[in-house]
Amino acid sequence: MSATAALDLWRTPEARKGLGFSFMFFLLAVACFIVSELSSALVLQLNSFQLLYRSLCTASLHCMRTPSALVIPRALVRYPFGVGRADIVLQFAAATMLLFASLSVMVEAVHHLLEPHDTQPVLVEVICFTHFLAIVTYTLLCQRKATRTMMMNQSLWVFVLIECRAPLICFLSCSLVTVFDAARIDVACAFAFAVSCVVSSAKHAQFLVPALLLEAPVTDSAISDTCRQVALVRGVIRVRQLQLWLLRPDAAVGSVKLVVDPTADGTEITARVRKLVHRVAATVTVELERGGVSTHDPRTGSGIEAFPAPPIELRYSV
């Protein structure tokens, strides 16, 4: 497509409608993000159900960050704008979202590089982003209109899968192009997207389960490692309040804040913290309420000190 033809397409009403769709849903995504952050801040000190609420808001945000792939499929746009104009609307809506896609993934990569405690490898994000750019480049260079539209739709689905943090399913959906023809590619990508949503929900659930087990009897069988870590602390120390929040909903990096009962014995706290540190196999930073910080290295077994009788705040990051 020449530059003149592309400029003419930008001036068409269909292109403006496509941009309007993308911009409208982008504003809706920003609104979801603001509501999520404000609501989580308001209910931060209320109860453990904040985790469920925050995770639902986060999941909604992940879906709304790719609105054109969810709300503007071919079947939805084809009838209001006609068969010929639907392709134009899809392409320009996709072009707008591709800009947000590139910015979003680059910000994620920078976050991985700048965050020292984030152990999630950057390589997965880089590979997904490179593969995503390859699809977009092929889409823009393709001369056949049908193939170009199909690949543009696929690139949107791929970005949805990347945002759901399911890179393996993302690659699987891309490989489905060689199995399914153009008529079935939307169905195949939709199936892969549904599976990735289940995977993403499972990632949220592994952090929700420990909080929901707080009022239940503590058992050390048939529960995840995260549950055992929480149960190990709660088994001896009388915990008044336990709050769990995530630096990133999909990352393996988390923080647990423990407000210990003032009557708890310092020796028991020290012993249980040492066991907890050995269980998670990571450096733990203990922040006392009245100042003072001590760190414990599980490889050397040193650094844990007896805690004073007043209430203390124990925070560790894995």
Foldseek 3Di string as FASTA:
>chain_A
DDPVVVVVLCPDPLLVVLVVVLVVLCVVLVVLVVVLVVVLVVCVPPALCSLVVSLVSVLVSLCSLLCCLPPLDLVVQCVVPHPVSSLSSSVSNLVVSVVVLVVVLVVVLVCCVPDPQFPDDSVLSVVLVVVLVVLVVCLVPDDDSLVNSLSSSLSSLLSSLVSLVPSVLSVVLVVCPVVDDSVCSSVSSVVSSVVSSVVSVVLSVLQSVLRVCPPPDDDDPPHDLVNVLSSLQVVQWPFPDKYWDQPDSNTPKIKIKTWTDLQHFQVVNLVSVLVSCLSVQDKFWFAFPVGDIWIAHNVVGDTGDRDDSGITIGMTID
